[in-house]
Amino acid sequence: MKCQVQCDGGDWVVNGSKHFISGGEHADFFIVFIGTGEDDTPKGPKKRITTFLVDRGPPGFKLREGYNLANPLANSRALGFRSPT
């Protein structure tokens, strides 16, 4: 996962990118899984992954052409996130 997230007051700010988003050109919202830390467990450290529902329209969000390695007809997209400064 190439995304990072920080809590800023009552909002979450996402930075990074996600790839292989099928049908992304048609979506108004995206379900994105982002690593948010680690938890110590009896079996060792485990990554904490949180699910976010991301709107397509906020500043810093970018939808671009993705990689079509497996199926050139899949219309894969990449999501880019950059916090507005």
Protein backbone atom coordinates (compact mmCIF):
# COMPACT_ATOMS: atom_id res chain seq x y z
CA MET A 1 0.00 0.00 0.00
CA LYS A 2 1.43 3.32 -1.06
CA CYS A 3 -0.93 5.54 0.94
CA GLN A 4 -0.52 7.27 4.26
CA VAL A 5 -3.22 8.86 6.34
CA GLN A 6 -3.18 11.36 9.22
CA CYS A 7 -5.93 12.58 11.49
CA ASP A 8 -6.30 16.37 11.22
CA GLY A 9 -8.87 17.51 13.74
CA GLY A 10 -12.04 15.64 12.81
CA ASP A 11 -10.88 14.80 9.28
CA TRP A 12 -8.55 12.22 7.79
CA VAL A 13 -5.98 13.45 5.26
CA VAL A 14 -4.76 10.90 2.69
CA ASN A 15 -1.48 11.14 0.75
CA GLY A 16 -0.16 8.64 -1.78
CA SER A 17 -1.55 6.52 -4.58
CA LYS A 18 -3.56 3.36 -5.26
CA HIS A 19 -3.40 1.34 -8.47
CA PHE A 20 -5.53 -1.21 -10.36
CA ILE A 21 -8.90 0.48 -9.74
CA SER A 22 -11.35 -1.22 -12.13
CA GLY A 23 -14.12 1.01 -13.48
CA GLY A 24 -12.73 4.06 -11.70
CA GLU A 25 -13.81 6.39 -14.49
CA HIS A 26 -17.47 5.74 -13.59
CA ALA A 27 -17.29 6.02 -9.78
CA ASP A 28 -18.30 8.99 -7.63
CA PHE A 29 -16.88 7.37 -4.47
CA PHE A 30 -14.05 4.90 -3.83
CA ILE A 31 -13.55 2.36 -1.05
CA VAL A 32 -9.86 2.56 -0.15
CA PHE A 33 -7.91 0.36 2.28
CA ILE A 34 -5.01 2.18 3.98
CA GLY A 35 -2.50 1.00 6.57
CA THR A 36 -2.97 3.05 9.75
CA GLY A 37 -0.38 1.53 12.08
CA GLU A 38 0.59 -1.68 13.80
CA ASP A 39 -0.80 -3.61 16.74
CA ASP A 40 1.26 -5.90 18.95
CA THR A 41 -0.35 -9.32 19.21
CA PRO A 42 0.74 -12.57 20.91
CA LYS A 43 1.86 -13.79 17.45
CA GLY A 44 3.85 -10.61 16.73
CA PRO A 45 3.12 -7.24 15.15
CA LYS A 46 0.19 -7.03 12.74
CA LYS A 47 -0.60 -4.16 10.40
CA ARG A 48 -3.77 -2.22 11.14
CA ILE A 49 -5.74 -1.58 7.94
CA THR A 50 -8.63 0.88 7.89
CA THR A 51 -11.31 1.26 5.21
CA PHE A 52 -12.13 4.77 3.97
CA LEU A 53 -14.94 5.96 1.72
CA VAL A 54 -13.36 8.67 -0.46
CA ASP A 55 -15.30 11.22 -2.50
CA ARG A 56 -14.07 11.82 -6.04
CA GLY A 57 -14.18 15.63 -5.81
CA PRO A 58 -12.00 17.03 -2.99
CA PRO A 59 -8.87 19.11 -3.70
CA GLY A 60 -5.80 16.93 -4.09
CA PHE A 61 -7.67 13.94 -5.55
CA LYS A 62 -6.61 12.82 -9.02
CA LEU A 63 -7.86 9.97 -11.21
CA ARG A 64 -5.47 8.97 -14.00
CA GLU A 65 -4.86 6.18 -16.47
CA GLY A 66 -3.73 2.99 -14.76
CA TYR A 67 -1.77 -0.11 -15.67
CA ASN A 68 -3.48 -2.74 -17.79
CA LEU A 69 -1.07 -5.62 -17.35
CA ALA A 70 -3.48 -8.54 -17.21
CA ASN A 71 -6.35 -7.35 -19.38
CA PRO A 72 -6.00 -4.40 -21.75
CA LEU A 73 -9.80 -4.08 -21.86
CA ALA A 74 -10.17 -3.68 -18.08
CA ASN A 75 -9.89 0.15 -18.03
CA SER A 76 -7.84 0.13 -14.87
CA ARG A 77 -7.24 3.51 -13.19
CA ALA A 78 -4.90 4.87 -10.55
CA LEU A 79 -5.94 7.17 -7.72
CA GLY A 80 -3.66 9.92 -6.48
CA PHE A 81 -4.04 11.75 -3.18
CA ARG A 82 -2.19 14.87 -2.11
CA SER A 83 -3.20 16.97 0.87
CA PRO A 84 -3.89 20.59 -0.03
CA THR A 85 -1.33 22.92 1.51
